[in-house]
Protein backbone atom coordinates (compact mmCIF):
# COMPACT_ATOMS: atom_id res chain seq x y z
CA MET A 1 -0.03 0.01 0.15
CA LEU A 2 3.03 2.38 0.73
CA ASP A 3 4.54 1.76 -2.47
CA ARG A 4 1.45 2.72 -4.29
CA GLY A 5 0.73 5.61 -2.18
CA GLN A 6 -1.96 4.15 0.16
CA VAL A 7 -0.58 5.96 2.95
CA GLU A 8 -3.92 6.46 4.96
CA ALA A 9 -4.72 2.49 4.21
CA ALA A 10 -1.51 1.39 5.30
CA LEU A 11 -1.17 3.54 8.27
CA ASP A 12 -4.55 1.99 9.36
CA LEU A 13 -3.25 -1.34 9.02
CA PHE A 14 -0.48 -0.72 10.46
CA ARG A 15 -2.22 0.45 13.81
CA LYS A 16 -4.73 -2.02 13.77
CA TYR A 17 -1.24 -4.45 14.04
CA THR A 18 0.13 -2.56 17.00
CA ASP A 19 -3.26 -3.16 18.56
CA SER A 20 -3.72 -6.57 18.23
CA LYS A 21 0.50 -6.90 19.17
CA PRO A 22 1.46 -4.01 21.09
CA ILE A 23 5.28 -5.73 21.67
CA ASP A 24 6.07 -6.04 18.56
CA PRO A 25 8.59 -3.24 17.36
CA GLU A 26 8.19 -3.81 13.79
CA GLY A 27 4.44 -2.66 13.28
CA TYR A 28 5.51 0.80 15.03
CA PHE A 29 8.50 0.59 13.15
CA TRP A 30 5.88 0.83 9.71
CA GLU A 31 3.45 2.92 11.47
CA GLY A 32 6.69 5.34 11.45
CA VAL A 33 7.50 4.94 7.86
CA ALA A 34 3.50 6.02 6.91
CA LEU A 35 3.46 8.77 9.29
CA ASP A 36 6.90 10.07 7.64
CA GLU A 37 5.38 9.77 4.23
CA ALA A 38 2.18 11.30 5.18
CA GLY A 39 4.39 14.11 6.54
CA ASN A 40 3.24 13.84 10.08
CA LEU A 41 7.09 13.95 11.50
CA GLU A 42 6.39 14.20 15.09
CA GLU A 43 3.92 11.35 15.18
CA ALA A 44 6.59 9.43 13.00
CA ALA A 45 9.34 10.34 15.82
CA GLN A 46 6.82 8.68 18.36
CA ALA A 47 6.22 5.87 16.69
CA TYR A 48 9.68 5.26 16.00
CA GLU A 49 10.67 5.69 20.06
CA THR A 50 7.88 3.29 20.66
CA ALA A 51 9.40 0.65 18.41
CA ILE A 52 12.85 1.15 19.69
CA GLU A 53 11.46 0.69 23.56
CA LYS A 54 9.57 -2.85 22.36
CA ALA A 55 12.65 -3.53 20.57
CA ASP A 56 15.01 -2.64 23.39
CA SER A 57 12.56 -4.70 25.69
CA LEU A 58 13.05 -7.61 23.88
CA ASP A 59 16.70 -7.57 23.55
CA LEU A 60 16.50 -6.60 20.08
CA ASN A 61 18.67 -3.61 18.65
CA SER A 62 17.65 -2.37 15.00
CA ALA A 63 19.89 0.15 13.69
CA GLU A 64 16.95 0.84 10.92
CA ILE A 65 14.93 2.20 13.14
CA TRP A 66 17.39 4.43 14.88
CA THR A 67 17.97 5.60 10.99
CA ASN A 68 14.70 6.93 10.45
CA LEU A 69 14.00 8.22 13.81
CA GLY A 70 17.33 10.23 12.60
CA ASN A 71 15.89 11.02 9.66
CA VAL A 72 12.74 12.42 11.01
CA LEU A 73 14.70 14.56 13.44
CA LEU A 74 16.87 15.72 10.69
CA LYS A 75 13.65 16.98 8.81
CA THR A 76 12.30 18.70 11.36
CA ASN A 77 15.78 20.43 12.14
CA LYS A 78 16.92 18.75 15.36
CA LEU A 79 20.01 18.12 14.54
CA ASP A 80 21.66 17.17 17.47
CA SER A 81 19.12 14.52 18.66
CA ALA A 82 19.36 13.36 14.63
CA GLU A 83 23.08 12.71 15.12
CA GLU A 84 22.87 11.00 18.40
CA LYS A 85 20.43 8.55 16.56
CA PHE A 86 22.77 8.27 13.46
CA LYS A 87 25.58 7.66 15.72
CA LYS A 88 23.91 4.69 17.79
CA ALA A 89 22.76 3.19 14.30
CA ILE A 90 26.32 3.41 13.48
CA GLU A 91 27.37 1.68 16.84
CA ILE A 92 24.43 -0.91 16.12
CA ASP A 93 25.45 -1.76 12.62
CA PRO A 94 28.91 -0.13 11.67
CA HIS A 95 28.29 -1.12 7.85
CA LEU A 96 24.95 0.73 7.32
CA VAL A 97 25.96 3.38 4.76
CA PRO A 98 22.46 5.28 5.01
CA ALA A 99 23.24 6.15 8.77
CA ARG A 100 26.99 7.46 7.85
CA LEU A 101 25.25 9.42 5.14
CA ASN A 102 22.69 11.22 6.83
CA LEU A 103 25.38 11.73 9.85
CA ALA A 104 27.47 13.75 7.31
CA ARG A 105 24.45 15.62 6.18
CA VAL A 106 23.64 16.33 9.78
CA LEU A 107 27.30 17.70 10.31
CA ILE A 108 27.40 19.53 7.40
CA GLU A 109 24.50 21.67 8.57
CA LYS A 110 26.21 21.93 11.93
CA ASN A 111 29.44 23.13 9.87
CA GLU A 112 31.28 20.41 10.97
CA CYS A 113 32.86 19.31 7.93
CA GLN A 114 35.64 17.50 8.95
CA GLY A 115 33.46 15.44 10.47
CA ALA A 116 31.00 15.08 7.41
CA LEU A 117 34.11 13.81 5.29
CA GLU A 118 35.15 11.18 7.61
CA SER A 119 31.85 9.74 7.68
CA LEU A 120 31.34 9.98 3.94
CA ASN A 121 34.92 8.48 3.33
CA ARG A 122 33.60 5.71 5.87
CA CYS A 123 30.49 5.37 3.26
CA ALA A 124 32.97 4.63 0.15
CA ASP A 125 35.33 2.62 2.09
CA LEU A 126 32.32 0.32 2.54
CA HIS A 127 31.64 0.62 -1.52
CA PHE A 128 29.30 3.05 -1.71
CA ASN A 129 29.57 5.32 -4.98
CA GLY A 130 26.24 6.88 -5.34
CA PRO A 131 25.47 10.56 -6.45
CA GLN A 132 24.56 11.50 -2.90
CA LEU A 133 28.26 10.87 -1.52
CA ALA A 134 29.42 13.37 -4.62
CA TYR A 135 27.06 15.93 -3.68
CA TYR A 136 27.67 15.97 0.14
CA ARG A 137 31.33 16.00 -0.12
CA ALA A 138 31.18 19.11 -2.47
CA LYS A 139 28.68 20.60 0.48
CA ALA A 140 31.12 19.76 3.05
CA LEU A 141 34.52 21.04 0.65
CA LEU A 142 32.96 24.10 -0.09
CA LYS A 143 32.14 24.97 3.75
CA LEU A 144 35.63 24.18 4.30
CA GLY A 145 37.00 26.74 2.13
CA ARG A 146 38.35 24.11 -0.58
CA PRO A 147 36.65 25.15 -3.87
CA GLU A 148 38.81 23.22 -6.61
CA GLU A 149 37.95 19.76 -4.57
CA ALA A 150 34.51 20.82 -4.39
CA ALA A 151 34.60 21.23 -8.20
CA VAL A 152 36.04 17.74 -8.94
CA GLN A 153 32.95 16.11 -6.78
CA VAL A 154 30.52 18.13 -8.60
CA ASP A 155 32.13 16.38 -11.74
CA LYS A 156 31.69 13.19 -10.41
CA LEU A 157 28.12 13.85 -9.46
CA LEU A 158 27.24 15.16 -12.64
CA LEU A 159 28.84 12.11 -14.64
CA GLN A 160 26.14 10.31 -12.43
CA LEU A 161 23.11 11.80 -13.15
CA PRO A 162 20.95 11.52 -16.57
CA VAL A 163 21.77 14.84 -18.75
CA ASP A 164 17.81 15.55 -18.70
CA SER A 165 17.43 14.78 -14.86
CA GLU A 166 15.99 17.54 -12.77
CA LEU A 167 18.17 16.45 -10.27
CA ARG A 168 21.11 17.17 -12.44
CA LEU A 169 19.83 20.47 -13.07
CA ARG A 170 19.06 21.42 -9.50
CA ALA A 171 22.30 20.32 -8.78
CA GLN A 172 24.02 22.71 -11.90
CA GLN A 173 22.17 25.64 -10.01
CA GLU A 174 23.67 24.93 -6.76
CA PHE A 175 27.12 24.85 -7.68
CA ALA A 176 27.28 27.55 -10.26
CA ALA A 177 29.42 29.30 -8.22
CA ILE A 178 32.51 26.74 -8.91
CA LYS A 179 34.43 27.93 -11.36
CA GLY A 180 31.82 29.25 -13.55
CA ARG A 181 29.56 26.23 -13.62
């Protein structure tokens, strides 16, 4: 249902599931996903918190729940809390690239760009080479006053994006100040 955009119907099913199995963290996790997609970020954060509590009570620890909670907190600009959640996710699963990538996003927003680059480099060490890596490296390098290195990352980014994509156009506009782009 979520894949088909039927967020409210999916949310109703997840809530019925959590009512019938209140100790199962998975229902609260999926409730959080649906609430996030619906734009109900505060409620999504609460659902993820409940999922974490339920998982802890069962001696389960899910890096994915912590990552999703961090994402919601990032969207609501609660950067310190988001950073804490991403670090917890990485502690649980050091190979979880989304947590490391989003930790870098938080650190860039907090102007802790050297730490962001370290997190991004770890993503590359884990064999992640998606366009997000070059994009966030470029942002961090620009904030660190290293425009030439940022330009190299922008070039890598643009090579990975289709010529006619909206994302490519946005990236070109965002980084237009680097060497006359």
